[in-house]
PDB file of N, CA and C in Angstrom:
ATOM      1  N   MET A   1     107.469  86.955 115.467  1.00  0.00           N
ATOM      2  CA  MET A   1     107.546  88.154 116.380  1.00  0.00           C
ATOM      3  C   MET A   1     106.236  88.903 116.246  1.00  0.00           C
ATOM      4  N   SER A   2     105.732  89.243 117.400  1.00  0.00           N
ATOM      5  CA  SER A   2     104.289  89.945 117.405  1.00  0.00           C
ATOM      6  C   SER A   2     104.635  91.400 117.548  1.00  0.00           C
ATOM      7  N   LEU A   3     103.677  92.137 117.227  1.00  0.00           N
ATOM      8  CA  LEU A   3     103.686  93.712 117.357  1.00  0.00           C
ATOM      9  C   LEU A   3     102.995  94.077 118.691  1.00  0.00           C
ATOM     10  N   GLU A   4     103.779  94.125 119.764  1.00  0.00           N
ATOM     11  CA  GLU A   4     103.234  94.479 121.028  1.00  0.00           C
ATOM     12  C   GLU A   4     102.483  95.820 121.126  1.00  0.00           C
ATOM     13  N   THR A   5     102.836  96.643 120.246  1.00  0.00           N
ATOM     14  CA  THR A   5     102.165  97.978 120.216  1.00  0.00           C
ATOM     15  C   THR A   5     100.693  97.874 119.832  1.00  0.00           C
ATOM     16  N   MET A   6     100.266  96.632 119.184  1.00  0.00           N
ATOM     17  CA  MET A   6      98.904  96.559 118.914  1.00  0.00           C
ATOM     18  C   MET A   6      98.106  96.024 120.004  1.00  0.00           C
ATOM     19  N   ARG A   7      98.677  95.708 121.170  1.00  0.00           N
ATOM     20  CA  ARG A   7      97.867  95.293 122.310  1.00  0.00           C
ATOM     21  C   ARG A   7      96.982  96.453 122.724  1.00  0.00           C
ATOM     22  N   PRO A   8      95.670  96.160 122.786  1.00  0.00           N
ATOM     23  CA  PRO A   8      94.685  97.272 123.027  1.00  0.00           C
ATOM     24  C   PRO A   8      95.005  98.035 124.315  1.00  0.00           C
ATOM     25  N   ASN A   9      94.837  99.423 124.214  1.00  0.00           N
ATOM     26  CA  ASN A   9      94.899 100.332 125.340  1.00  0.00           C
ATOM     27  C   ASN A   9      93.744 100.157 126.286  1.00  0.00           C
ATOM     28  N   PRO A  10      93.962  99.682 127.517  1.00  0.00           N
ATOM     29  CA  PRO A  10      92.877  99.416 128.376  1.00  0.00           C
ATOM     30  C   PRO A  10      92.181 100.666 128.789  1.00  0.00           C
ATOM     31  N   THR A  11      92.682 101.932 128.598  1.00  0.00           N
ATOM     32  CA  THR A  11      92.034 103.101 129.053  1.00  0.00           C
ATOM     33  C   THR A  11      91.413 103.818 127.844  1.00  0.00           C
ATOM     34  N   TRP A  12      91.444 103.312 126.658  1.00  0.00           N
ATOM     35  CA  TRP A  12      90.773 103.939 125.556  1.00  0.00           C
ATOM     36  C   TRP A  12      89.339 103.906 125.662  1.00  0.00           C
ATOM     37  N   ASP A  13      88.755 104.937 125.359  1.00  0.00           N
ATOM     38  CA  ASP A  13      87.277 105.169 125.573  1.00  0.00           C
ATOM     39  C   ASP A  13      86.513 104.926 124.331  1.00  0.00           C
ATOM     40  N   ALA A  14      85.922 103.739 124.126  1.00  0.00           N
ATOM     41  CA  ALA A  14      85.178 103.428 122.886  1.00  0.00           C
ATOM     42  C   ALA A  14      83.953 104.395 122.567  1.00  0.00           C
ATOM     43  N   ALA A  15      83.378 104.868 123.733  1.00  0.00           N
ATOM     44  CA  ALA A  15      82.153 105.733 123.623  1.00  0.00           C
ATOM     45  C   ALA A  15      82.584 107.070 122.945  1.00  0.00           C
ATOM     46  N   SER A  16      83.813 107.486 123.042  1.00  0.00           N
ATOM     47  CA  SER A  16      84.301 108.704 122.456  1.00  0.00           C
ATOM     48  C   SER A  16      84.407 108.556 121.007  1.00  0.00           C
ATOM     49  N   TYR A  17      84.515 107.329 120.558  1.00  0.00           N
ATOM     50  CA  TYR A  17      84.719 107.018 119.113  1.00  0.00           C
ATOM     51  C   TYR A  17      83.568 106.231 118.570  1.00  0.00           C
ATOM     52  N   GLU A  18      82.448 106.335 119.034  1.00  0.00           N
ATOM     53  CA  GLU A  18      81.339 105.496 118.687  1.00  0.00           C
ATOM     54  C   GLU A  18      81.030 105.253 117.212  1.00  0.00           C
ATOM     55  N   ASP A  19      81.061 106.408 116.449  1.00  0.00           N
ATOM     56  CA  ASP A  19      80.899 106.313 115.038  1.00  0.00           C
ATOM     57  C   ASP A  19      81.990 105.424 114.261  1.00  0.00           C
ATOM     58  N   ALA A  20      83.275 105.678 114.664  1.00  0.00           N
ATOM     59  CA  ALA A  20      84.353 104.912 114.016  1.00  0.00           C
ATOM     60  C   ALA A  20      84.176 103.380 114.435  1.00  0.00           C
ATOM     61  N   VAL A  21      83.935 103.092 115.784  1.00  0.00           N
ATOM     62  CA  VAL A  21      83.764 101.733 116.128  1.00  0.00           C
ATOM     63  C   VAL A  21      82.529 101.140 115.409  1.00  0.00           C
ATOM     64  N   ASP A  22      81.453 101.840 115.321  1.00  0.00           N
ATOM     65  CA  ASP A  22      80.252 101.306 114.584  1.00  0.00           C
ATOM     66  C   ASP A  22      80.697 100.965 113.122  1.00  0.00           C
ATOM     67  N   THR A  23      81.407 101.767 112.462  1.00  0.00           N
ATOM     68  CA  THR A  23      81.743 101.513 111.092  1.00  0.00           C
ATOM     69  C   THR A  23      82.737 100.329 111.022  1.00  0.00           C
ATOM     70  N   LEU A  24      83.641 100.171 111.913  1.00  0.00           N
ATOM     71  CA  LEU A  24      84.611  99.126 111.869  1.00  0.00           C
ATOM     72  C   LEU A  24      83.772  97.828 112.088  1.00  0.00           C
ATOM     73  N   ALA A  25      82.851  97.897 113.041  1.00  0.00           N
ATOM     74  CA  ALA A  25      82.047  96.741 113.470  1.00  0.00           C
ATOM     75  C   ALA A  25      81.259  96.306 112.391  1.00  0.00           C
ATOM     76  N   ALA A  26      80.601  97.195 111.483  1.00  0.00           N
ATOM     77  CA  ALA A  26      79.736  96.890 110.448  1.00  0.00           C
ATOM     78  C   ALA A  26      80.338  96.019 109.307  1.00  0.00           C
ATOM     79  N   HIS A  27      81.753  96.195 109.285  1.00  0.00           N
ATOM     80  CA  HIS A  27      82.451  95.505 108.297  1.00  0.00           C
ATOM     81  C   HIS A  27      83.435  94.492 108.805  1.00  0.00           C
ATOM     82  N   SER A  28      83.280  94.122 110.111  1.00  0.00           N
ATOM     83  CA  SER A  28      84.259  93.261 110.877  1.00  0.00           C
ATOM     84  C   SER A  28      84.571  91.971 110.177  1.00  0.00           C
ATOM     85  N   ASP A  29      83.485  91.431 109.418  1.00  0.00           N
ATOM     86  CA  ASP A  29      83.757  90.118 108.865  1.00  0.00           C
ATOM     87  C   ASP A  29      83.998  90.119 107.391  1.00  0.00           C
ATOM     88  N   GLU A  30      84.230  91.303 106.863  1.00  0.00           N
ATOM     89  CA  GLU A  30      84.508  91.304 105.366  1.00  0.00           C
ATOM     90  C   GLU A  30      85.803  92.021 104.972  1.00  0.00           C
ATOM     91  N   LEU A  31      86.451  92.585 105.875  1.00  0.00           N
ATOM     92  CA  LEU A  31      87.725  93.242 105.706  1.00  0.00           C
ATOM     93  C   LEU A  31      88.858  92.698 106.441  1.00  0.00           C
ATOM     94  N   VAL A  32      90.119  92.914 105.880  1.00  0.00           N
ATOM     95  CA  VAL A  32      91.356  92.414 106.585  1.00  0.00           C
ATOM     96  C   VAL A  32      92.135  93.712 106.798  1.00  0.00           C
ATOM     97  N   TYR A  33      92.642  93.732 108.112  1.00  0.00           N
ATOM     98  CA  TYR A  33      93.536  94.861 108.507  1.00  0.00           C
ATOM     99  C   TYR A  33      95.065  94.409 108.567  1.00  0.00           C
ATOM    100  N   LYS A  34      95.863  95.031 107.731  1.00  0.00           N
ATOM    101  CA  LYS A  34      97.246  94.749 107.764  1.00  0.00           C
ATOM    102  C   LYS A  34      97.948  95.783 108.365  1.00  0.00           C
ATOM    103  N   VAL A  35      98.723  95.582 109.413  1.00  0.00           N
ATOM    104  CA  VAL A  35      99.350  96.636 110.079  1.00  0.00           C
ATOM    105  C   VAL A  35     100.850  96.461 110.172  1.00  0.00           C
ATOM    106  N   TRP A  36     101.565  97.483 109.669  1.00  0.00           N
ATOM    107  CA  TRP A  36     103.000  97.463 109.698  1.00  0.00           C
ATOM    108  C   TRP A  36     103.483  98.471 110.768  1.00  0.00           C
ATOM    109  N   GLY A  37     104.441  98.077 111.590  1.00  0.00           N
ATOM    110  CA  GLY A  37     104.899  98.775 112.743  1.00  0.00           C
ATOM    111  C   GLY A  37     106.161  98.270 113.388  1.00  0.00           C
ATOM    112  N   GLY A  38     106.545  98.957 114.394  1.00  0.00           N
ATOM    113  CA  GLY A  38     107.678  98.396 115.156  1.00  0.00           C
ATOM    114  C   GLY A  38     107.572  98.924 116.559  1.00  0.00           C
ATOM    115  N   ASP A  39     107.858  97.991 117.531  1.00  0.00           N
ATOM    116  CA  ASP A  39     107.733  98.356 119.004  1.00  0.00           C
ATOM    117  C   ASP A  39     108.661  99.426 119.370  1.00  0.00           C
ATOM    118  N   TRP A  40     109.645  99.709 118.538  1.00  0.00           N
ATOM    119  CA  TRP A  40     110.745 100.650 118.786  1.00  0.00           C
ATOM    120  C   TRP A  40     110.265 101.999 118.288  1.00  0.00           C
ATOM    121  N   CYS A  41     109.242 102.123 117.515  1.00  0.00           N
ATOM    122  CA  CYS A  41     108.780 103.320 116.804  1.00  0.00           C
ATOM    123  C   CYS A  41     107.875 104.203 117.768  1.00  0.00           C
ATOM    124  N   LYS A  42     108.225 105.464 117.907  1.00  0.00           N
ATOM    125  CA  LYS A  42     107.372 106.270 118.871  1.00  0.00           C
ATOM    126  C   LYS A  42     106.010 106.472 118.292  1.00  0.00           C
ATOM    127  N   ASP A  43     105.943 106.729 116.964  1.00  0.00           N
ATOM    128  CA  ASP A  43     104.564 106.951 116.330  1.00  0.00           C
ATOM    129  C   ASP A  43     103.752 105.647 116.568  1.00  0.00           C
ATOM    130  N   CYS A  44     104.335 104.554 116.408  1.00  0.00           N
ATOM    131  CA  CYS A  44     103.573 103.248 116.635  1.00  0.00           C
ATOM    132  C   CYS A  44     103.075 103.114 118.005  1.00  0.00           C
ATOM    133  N   ARG A  45     103.985 103.392 118.962  1.00  0.00           N
ATOM    134  CA  ARG A  45     103.665 103.357 120.309  1.00  0.00           C
ATOM    135  C   ARG A  45     102.644 104.276 120.693  1.00  0.00           C
ATOM    136  N   ALA A  46     102.544 105.449 120.083  1.00  0.00           N
ATOM    137  CA  ALA A  46     101.557 106.534 120.356  1.00  0.00           C
ATOM    138  C   ALA A  46     100.134 106.115 119.712  1.00  0.00           C
ATOM    139  N   LEU A  47     100.151 105.419 118.526  1.00  0.00           N
ATOM    140  CA  LEU A  47      98.912 105.401 117.668  1.00  0.00           C
ATOM    141  C   LEU A  47      98.273 103.937 117.813  1.00  0.00           C
ATOM    142  N   LEU A  48      99.082 102.850 117.864  1.00  0.00           N
ATOM    143  CA  LEU A  48      98.623 101.574 117.589  1.00  0.00           C
ATOM    144  C   LEU A  48      97.926 100.968 118.822  1.00  0.00           C
ATOM    145  N   PRO A  49      98.191 101.212 120.111  1.00  0.00           N
ATOM    146  CA  PRO A  49      97.452 100.691 121.149  1.00  0.00           C
ATOM    147  C   PRO A  49      95.998 101.131 121.157  1.00  0.00           C
ATOM    148  N   ASP A  50      95.780 102.416 120.719  1.00  0.00           N
ATOM    149  CA  ASP A  50      94.381 102.917 120.650  1.00  0.00           C
ATOM    150  C   ASP A  50      93.682 102.215 119.451  1.00  0.00           C
ATOM    151  N   PHE A  51      94.409 101.943 118.341  1.00  0.00           N
ATOM    152  CA  PHE A  51      93.869 101.359 117.235  1.00  0.00           C
ATOM    153  C   PHE A  51      93.522  99.911 117.485  1.00  0.00           C
ATOM    154  N   GLY A  52      94.347  99.219 118.309  1.00  0.00           N
ATOM    155  CA  GLY A  52      94.135  97.892 118.668  1.00  0.00           C
ATOM    156  C   GLY A  52      92.775  97.787 119.544  1.00  0.00           C
ATOM    157  N   ALA A  53      92.649  98.908 120.412  1.00  0.00           N
ATOM    158  CA  ALA A  53      91.458  98.916 121.322  1.00  0.00           C
ATOM    159  C   ALA A  53      90.161  99.067 120.398  1.00  0.00           C
ATOM    160  N   ALA A  54      90.323  99.908 119.306  1.00  0.00           N
ATOM    161  CA  ALA A  54      89.152 100.244 118.453  1.00  0.00           C
ATOM    162  C   ALA A  54      88.740  98.961 117.796  1.00  0.00           C
ATOM    163  N   LEU A  55      89.727  98.165 117.244  1.00  0.00           N
ATOM    164  CA  LEU A  55      89.465  96.877 116.591  1.00  0.00           C
ATOM    165  C   LEU A  55      88.815  95.921 117.576  1.00  0.00           C
ATOM    166  N   GLU A  56      89.259  95.953 118.886  1.00  0.00           N
ATOM    167  CA  GLU A  56      88.684  95.031 119.912  1.00  0.00           C
ATOM    168  C   GLU A  56      87.233  95.459 120.200  1.00  0.00           C
ATOM    169  N   ALA A  57      87.070  96.697 120.324  1.00  0.00           N
ATOM    170  CA  ALA A  57      85.723  97.280 120.634  1.00  0.00           C
ATOM    171  C   ALA A  57      84.711  97.015 119.447  1.00  0.00           C
ATOM    172  N   ALA A  58      85.295  96.989 118.218  1.00  0.00           N
ATOM    173  CA  ALA A  58      84.425  96.636 117.104  1.00  0.00           C
ATOM    174  C   ALA A  58      84.253  95.160 116.840  1.00  0.00           C
ATOM    175  N   ALA A  59      84.853  94.375 117.755  1.00  0.00           N
ATOM    176  CA  ALA A  59      84.698  92.840 117.693  1.00  0.00           C
ATOM    177  C   ALA A  59      85.353  92.289 116.308  1.00  0.00           C
ATOM    178  N   VAL A  60      86.359  92.984 115.802  1.00  0.00           N
ATOM    179  CA  VAL A  60      87.001  92.587 114.611  1.00  0.00           C
ATOM    180  C   VAL A  60      87.740  91.234 115.004  1.00  0.00           C
ATOM    181  N   PRO A  61      87.489  90.089 114.295  1.00  0.00           N
ATOM    182  CA  PRO A  61      88.103  88.921 114.699  1.00  0.00           C
ATOM    183  C   PRO A  61      89.672  88.881 114.544  1.00  0.00           C
ATOM    184  N   ASP A  62      90.317  88.249 115.372  1.00  0.00           N
ATOM    185  CA  ASP A  62      91.809  88.104 115.340  1.00  0.00           C
ATOM    186  C   ASP A  62      92.310  87.693 113.981  1.00  0.00           C
ATOM    187  N   ASP A  63      91.630  86.912 113.253  1.00  0.00           N
ATOM    188  CA  ASP A  63      92.127  86.284 112.055  1.00  0.00           C
ATOM    189  C   ASP A  63      91.901  87.351 110.894  1.00  0.00           C
ATOM    190  N   ARG A  64      91.380  88.418 111.263  1.00  0.00           N
ATOM    191  CA  ARG A  64      91.212  89.520 110.271  1.00  0.00           C
ATOM    192  C   ARG A  64      92.130  90.679 110.453  1.00  0.00           C
ATOM    193  N   ILE A  65      93.102  90.355 111.392  1.00  0.00           N
ATOM    194  CA  ILE A  65      94.093  91.466 111.773  1.00  0.00           C
ATOM    195  C   ILE A  65      95.408  90.789 111.523  1.00  0.00           C
ATOM    196  N   GLU A  66      96.215  91.286 110.609  1.00  0.00           N
ATOM    197  CA  GLU A  66      97.543  90.761 110.318  1.00  0.00           C
ATOM    198  C   GLU A  66      98.579  91.823 110.749  1.00  0.00           C
ATOM    199  N   THR A  67      99.568  91.556 111.546  1.00  0.00           N
ATOM    200  CA  THR A  67     100.624  92.493 111.995  1.00  0.00           C
ATOM    201  C   THR A  67     101.962  92.047 111.353  1.00  0.00           C
ATOM    202  N   PHE A  68     102.681  93.037 111.066  1.00  0.00           N
ATOM    203  CA  PHE A  68     104.057  92.949 110.299  1.00  0.00           C
ATOM    204  C   PHE A  68     105.024  93.768 111.155  1.00  0.00           C
ATOM    205  N   THR A  69     106.032  93.068 111.915  1.00  0.00           N
ATOM    206  CA  THR A  69     106.882  93.860 112.657  1.00  0.00           C
ATOM    207  C   THR A  69     108.090  94.129 111.807  1.00  0.00           C
ATOM    208  N   LEU A  70     108.441  95.511 111.776  1.00  0.00           N
ATOM    209  CA  LEU A  70     109.558  95.911 110.977  1.00  0.00           C
ATOM    210  C   LEU A  70     110.863  96.297 111.919  1.00  0.00           C
ATOM    211  N   ASP A  71     111.948  96.175 111.291  1.00  0.00           N
ATOM    212  CA  ASP A  71     113.162  96.485 112.036  1.00  0.00           C
ATOM    213  C   ASP A  71     113.447  98.081 111.916  1.00  0.00           C
ATOM    214  N   GLN A  72     114.497  98.546 112.564  1.00  0.00           N
ATOM    215  CA  GLN A  72     114.631  99.940 112.589  1.00  0.00           C
ATOM    216  C   GLN A  72     115.019 100.444 111.265  1.00  0.00           C
ATOM    217  N   ASP A  73     115.333  99.696 110.278  1.00  0.00           N
ATOM    218  CA  ASP A  73     115.575 100.156 108.924  1.00  0.00           C
ATOM    219  C   ASP A  73     114.219 100.044 108.114  1.00  0.00           C
ATOM    220  N   LYS A  74     113.084  99.749 108.799  1.00  0.00           N
ATOM    221  CA  LYS A  74     111.785  99.622 108.285  1.00  0.00           C
ATOM    222  C   LYS A  74     111.797  98.569 107.179  1.00  0.00           C
ATOM    223  N   GLN A  75     112.479  97.477 107.491  1.00  0.00           N
ATOM    224  CA  GLN A  75     112.488  96.322 106.662  1.00  0.00           C
ATOM    225  C   GLN A  75     111.680  95.207 107.295  1.00  0.00           C
ATOM    226  N   GLY A  76     110.924  94.360 106.442  1.00  0.00           N
ATOM    227  CA  GLY A  76     110.233  93.242 107.011  1.00  0.00           C
ATOM    228  C   GLY A  76     109.240  92.843 105.938  1.00  0.00           C
ATOM    229  N   PRO A  77     108.409  91.804 106.312  1.00  0.00           N
ATOM    230  CA  PRO A  77     107.484  91.255 105.402  1.00  0.00           C
ATOM    231  C   PRO A  77     106.573  92.255 104.839  1.00  0.00           C
ATOM    232  N   GLY A  78     106.367  92.165 103.456  1.00  0.00           N
ATOM    233  CA  GLY A  78     105.270  92.943 102.726  1.00  0.00           C
ATOM    234  C   GLY A  78     105.762  94.308 102.438  1.00  0.00           C
ATOM    235  N   VAL A  79     106.872  94.864 102.923  1.00  0.00           N
ATOM    236  CA  VAL A  79     107.248  96.261 102.812  1.00  0.00           C
ATOM    237  C   VAL A  79     107.293  96.624 101.250  1.00  0.00           C
ATOM    238  N   ASP A  80     108.007  95.835 100.448  1.00  0.00           N
ATOM    239  CA  ASP A  80     108.065  96.203  99.026  1.00  0.00           C
ATOM    240  C   ASP A  80     106.771  95.952  98.321  1.00  0.00           C
ATOM    241  N   GLU A  81     106.127  94.839  98.620  1.00  0.00           N
ATOM    242  CA  GLU A  81     104.845  94.573  97.909  1.00  0.00           C
ATOM    243  C   GLU A  81     103.743  95.509  98.175  1.00  0.00           C
ATOM    244  N   TYR A  82     103.786  96.154  99.429  1.00  0.00           N
ATOM    245  CA  TYR A  82     102.780  97.186  99.697  1.00  0.00           C
ATOM    246  C   TYR A  82     103.237  98.591  99.768  1.00  0.00           C
ATOM    247  N   ASP A  83     104.528  98.800  99.296  1.00  0.00           N
ATOM    248  CA  ASP A  83     105.135 100.186  99.243  1.00  0.00           C
ATOM    249  C   ASP A  83     105.034 100.770 100.570  1.00  0.00           C
ATOM    250  N   ILE A  84     105.519 100.178 101.612  1.00  0.00           N
ATOM    251  CA  ILE A  84     105.440 100.778 102.951  1.00  0.00           C
ATOM    252  C   ILE A  84     106.723 101.583 103.201  1.00  0.00           C
ATOM    253  N   GLU A  85     106.537 102.931 103.450  1.00  0.00           N
ATOM    254  CA  GLU A  85     107.524 103.830 103.675  1.00  0.00           C
ATOM    255  C   GLU A  85     107.692 104.357 105.113  1.00  0.00           C
ATOM    256  N   TYR A  86     106.486 104.586 105.681  1.00  0.00           N
ATOM    257  CA  TYR A  86     106.396 105.110 107.047  1.00  0.00           C
ATOM    258  C   TYR A  86     105.564 104.203 107.837  1.00  0.00           C
ATOM    259  N   ILE A  87     105.844 104.221 109.145  1.00  0.00           N
ATOM    260  CA  ILE A  87     105.065 103.298 110.006  1.00  0.00           C
ATOM    261  C   ILE A  87     104.664 104.261 111.235  1.00  0.00           C
ATOM    262  N   PRO A  88     103.399 103.884 111.758  1.00  0.00           N
ATOM    263  CA  PRO A  88     102.663 102.805 111.308  1.00  0.00           C
ATOM    264  C   PRO A  88     101.796 103.153 109.999  1.00  0.00           C
ATOM    265  N   THR A  89     101.754 102.012 109.358  1.00  0.00           N
ATOM    266  CA  THR A  89     100.783 101.962 108.163  1.00  0.00           C
ATOM    267  C   THR A  89      99.830 100.847 108.291  1.00  0.00           C
ATOM    268  N   VAL A  90      98.533 101.182 107.964  1.00  0.00           N
ATOM    269  CA  VAL A  90      97.440 100.154 108.105  1.00  0.00           C
ATOM    270  C   VAL A  90      96.819 100.095 106.754  1.00  0.00           C
ATOM    271  N   VAL A  91      96.803  98.899 106.007  1.00  0.00           N
ATOM    272  CA  VAL A  91      96.148  98.740 104.845  1.00  0.00           C
ATOM    273  C   VAL A  91      94.911  97.902 105.070  1.00  0.00           C
ATOM    274  N   VAL A  92      93.776  98.342 104.609  1.00  0.00           N
ATOM    275  CA  VAL A  92      92.586  97.578 104.775  1.00  0.00           C
ATOM    276  C   VAL A  92      92.167  97.020 103.445  1.00  0.00           C
ATOM    277  N   GLU A  93      91.925  95.728 103.339  1.00  0.00           N
ATOM    278  CA  GLU A  93      91.606  95.072 102.065  1.00  0.00           C
ATOM    279  C   GLU A  93      90.428  94.241 102.152  1.00  0.00           C
ATOM    280  N   THR A  94      89.773  93.978 101.040  1.00  0.00           N
ATOM    281  CA  THR A  94      88.647  92.989 100.946  1.00  0.00           C
ATOM    282  C   THR A  94      89.313  91.635 101.065  1.00  0.00           C
ATOM    283  N   ASP A  95      88.472  90.667 101.149  1.00  0.00           N
ATOM    284  CA  ASP A  95      88.858  89.136 101.055  1.00  0.00           C
ATOM    285  C   ASP A  95      89.545  88.836  99.712  1.00  0.00           C
ATOM    286  N   ASP A  96      89.357  89.623  98.648  1.00  0.00           N
ATOM    287  CA  ASP A  96      89.887  89.402  97.342  1.00  0.00           C
ATOM    288  C   ASP A  96      91.227  90.154  97.197  1.00  0.00           C
ATOM    289  N   GLY A  97      91.650  90.778  98.243  1.00  0.00           N
ATOM    290  CA  GLY A  97      93.034  91.499  98.203  1.00  0.00           C
ATOM    291  C   GLY A  97      92.914  92.931  97.636  1.00  0.00           C
ATOM    292  N   GLU A  98      91.659  93.435  97.442  1.00  0.00           N
ATOM    293  CA  GLU A  98      91.546  94.863  96.921  1.00  0.00           C
ATOM    294  C   GLU A  98      91.759  95.794  98.104  1.00  0.00           C
ATOM    295  N   GLU A  99      92.597  96.756  97.826  1.00  0.00           N
ATOM    296  CA  GLU A  99      92.914  97.774  99.014  1.00  0.00           C
ATOM    297  C   GLU A  99      91.710  98.748  98.942  1.00  0.00           C
ATOM    298  N   VAL A 100      91.018  99.020 100.105  1.00  0.00           N
ATOM    299  CA  VAL A 100      89.956  99.890 100.123  1.00  0.00           C
ATOM    300  C   VAL A 100      90.300 101.189 101.051  1.00  0.00           C
ATOM    301  N   ALA A 101      91.337 101.026 101.909  1.00  0.00           N
ATOM    302  CA  ALA A 101      91.788 102.278 102.686  1.00  0.00           C
ATOM    303  C   ALA A 101      93.105 102.041 103.112  1.00  0.00           C
ATOM    304  N   ARG A 102      93.861 103.173 103.429  1.00  0.00           N
ATOM    305  CA  ARG A 102      95.290 103.189 103.892  1.00  0.00           C
ATOM    306  C   ARG A 102      95.420 104.233 104.865  1.00  0.00           C
ATOM    307  N   PHE A 103      95.906 103.887 106.123  1.00  0.00           N
ATOM    308  CA  PHE A 103      96.287 104.936 107.095  1.00  0.00           C
ATOM    309  C   PHE A 103      97.854 104.910 107.013  1.00  0.00           C
ATOM    310  N   VAL A 104      98.459 106.100 106.978  1.00  0.00           N
ATOM    311  CA  VAL A 104      99.817 106.236 107.062  1.00  0.00           C
ATOM    312  C   VAL A 104     100.247 107.258 108.153  1.00  0.00           C
ATOM    313  N   GLU A 105     101.129 106.820 109.006  1.00  0.00           N
ATOM    314  CA  GLU A 105     101.698 107.564 110.100  1.00  0.00           C
ATOM    315  C   GLU A 105     101.238 108.936 110.487  1.00  0.00           C
ATOM    316  N   ASP A 106     101.200 109.923 109.548  1.00  0.00           N
ATOM    317  CA  ASP A 106     100.918 111.290 110.062  1.00  0.00           C
ATOM    318  C   ASP A 106      99.648 111.837 109.642  1.00  0.00           C
ATOM    319  N   GLU A 107      98.651 111.050 109.523  1.00  0.00           N
ATOM    320  CA  GLU A 107      97.289 111.748 109.284  1.00  0.00           C
ATOM    321  C   GLU A 107      96.840 112.552 110.481  1.00  0.00           C
ATOM    322  N   ALA A 108      95.886 113.444 110.268  1.00  0.00           N
ATOM    323  CA  ALA A 108      95.550 114.347 111.231  1.00  0.00           C
ATOM    324  C   ALA A 108      94.590 113.713 112.388  1.00  0.00           C
ATOM    325  N   VAL A 109      94.108 112.628 112.123  1.00  0.00           N
ATOM    326  CA  VAL A 109      93.197 111.952 113.138  1.00  0.00           C
ATOM    327  C   VAL A 109      93.706 110.597 113.450  1.00  0.00           C
ATOM    328  N   PRO A 110      93.271 110.037 114.476  1.00  0.00           N
ATOM    329  CA  PRO A 110      93.721 108.696 114.763  1.00  0.00           C
ATOM    330  C   PRO A 110      93.399 107.565 113.760  1.00  0.00           C
ATOM    331  N   PRO A 111      94.107 106.503 113.724  1.00  0.00           N
ATOM    332  CA  PRO A 111      93.890 105.482 112.607  1.00  0.00           C
ATOM    333  C   PRO A 111      92.463 104.986 112.619  1.00  0.00           C
ATOM    334  N   ALA A 112      91.804 104.748 113.754  1.00  0.00           N
ATOM    335  CA  ALA A 112      90.367 104.225 113.642  1.00  0.00           C
ATOM    336  C   ALA A 112      89.427 105.169 113.109  1.00  0.00           C
ATOM    337  N   VAL A 113      89.598 106.504 113.387  1.00  0.00           N
ATOM    338  CA  VAL A 113      88.771 107.472 112.800  1.00  0.00           C
ATOM    339  C   VAL A 113      89.140 107.680 111.265  1.00  0.00           C
ATOM    340  N   TRP A 114      90.311 107.784 110.974  1.00  0.00           N
ATOM    341  CA  TRP A 114      90.713 107.904 109.502  1.00  0.00           C
ATOM    342  C   TRP A 114      90.186 106.788 108.773  1.00  0.00           C
ATOM    343  N   LEU A 115      90.400 105.564 109.185  1.00  0.00           N
ATOM    344  CA  LEU A 115      90.063 104.290 108.411  1.00  0.00           C
ATOM    345  C   LEU A 115      88.456 104.234 108.280  1.00  0.00           C
ATOM    346  N   ALA A 116      87.807 104.563 109.362  1.00  0.00           N
ATOM    347  CA  ALA A 116      86.409 104.575 109.377  1.00  0.00           C
ATOM    348  C   ALA A 116      85.712 105.506 108.330  1.00  0.00           C
ATOM    349  N   ASP A 117      86.287 106.707 108.296  1.00  0.00           N
ATOM    350  CA  ASP A 117      85.974 107.692 107.358  1.00  0.00           C
ATOM    351  C   ASP A 117      86.189 107.232 105.972  1.00  0.00           C
ATOM    352  N   GLU A 118      87.388 106.670 105.664  1.00  0.00           N
ATOM    353  CA  GLU A 118      87.771 106.156 104.398  1.00  0.00           C
ATOM    354  C   GLU A 118      86.823 105.026 103.947  1.00  0.00           C
ATOM    355  N   LEU A 119      86.553 104.121 104.885  1.00  0.00           N
ATOM    356  CA  LEU A 119      85.849 102.977 104.627  1.00  0.00           C
ATOM    357  C   LEU A 119      84.368 103.355 104.280  1.00  0.00           C
ATOM    358  N   GLU A 120      83.804 104.348 104.942  1.00  0.00           N
ATOM    359  CA  GLU A 120      82.440 104.813 104.654  1.00  0.00           C
ATOM    360  C   GLU A 120      82.420 105.418 103.325  1.00  0.00           C
ATOM    361  N   ALA A 121      83.417 106.236 102.917  1.00  0.00           N
ATOM    362  CA  ALA A 121      83.364 106.807 101.614  1.00  0.00           C
ATOM    363  C   ALA A 121      83.588 105.760 100.616  1.00  0.00           C
ATOM    364  N   ALA A 122      84.526 104.862 100.730  1.00  0.00           N
ATOM    365  CA  ALA A 122      84.800 103.873  99.724  1.00  0.00           C
ATOM    366  C   ALA A 122      83.632 102.820  99.507  1.00  0.00           C
ATOM    367  N   LEU A 123      83.134 102.392 100.660  1.00  0.00           N
ATOM    368  CA  LEU A 123      82.113 101.387 100.516  1.00  0.00           C
ATOM    369  C   LEU A 123      80.707 101.973 100.236  1.00  0.00           C
ATOM    370  N   GLU A 124      80.502 103.269 100.632  1.00  0.00           N
ATOM    371  CA  GLU A 124      79.345 103.992 100.184  1.00  0.00           C
ATOM    372  C   GLU A 124      79.266 104.145  98.609  1.00  0.00           C
ATOM    373  N   SER A 125      80.413 104.559  98.077  1.00  0.00           N
ATOM    374  CA  SER A 125      80.508 104.798  96.732  1.00  0.00           C
ATOM    375  C   SER A 125      80.361 103.487  95.773  1.00  0.00           C
ATOM    376  N   ASP A 126      80.766 102.396  96.440  1.00  0.00           N
ATOM    377  CA  ASP A 126      80.671 101.112  95.759  1.00  0.00           C
ATOM    378  C   ASP A 126      79.168 100.582  95.745  1.00  0.00           C
ATOM    379  N   ALA A 127      78.409 101.100  96.851  1.00  0.00           N
ATOM    380  CA  ALA A 127      77.052 100.657  96.964  1.00  0.00           C
ATOM    381  C   ALA A 127      76.146 101.579  96.076  1.00  0.00           C
ATOM    382  N   ALA A 128      76.655 102.812  95.721  1.00  0.00           N
ATOM    383  CA  ALA A 128      75.844 103.725  94.865  1.00  0.00           C
ATOM    384  C   ALA A 128      75.690 103.241  93.452  1.00  0.00           C
TER     385      ALA A 128
END
């Protein structure tokens, strides 16, 4: 079962989020995005289409995006392993499986912006 809410929003304006898209694009071949959500979830329907559009604008390859569809009890693949309580949740990992950023449902900014900021902080401190 696929997560329909990750289908990119065709009206999303990448130019308005240029910094976030640039950050996601800069790491498009070295990070994996794991997305938990449900098509029944209003927060997922509100947030994930724009996130899907941001990943598309950043040319993140499809094989670097994994989606996990949860039922209305928020049960599904990886829930226990990744301690998923709220959806949408996006976990960004290195190819070695190291978590470098996590967006959870109620952050103050959209997922693409939140994750780009977190990635810049995490990857900048690694490079220092």
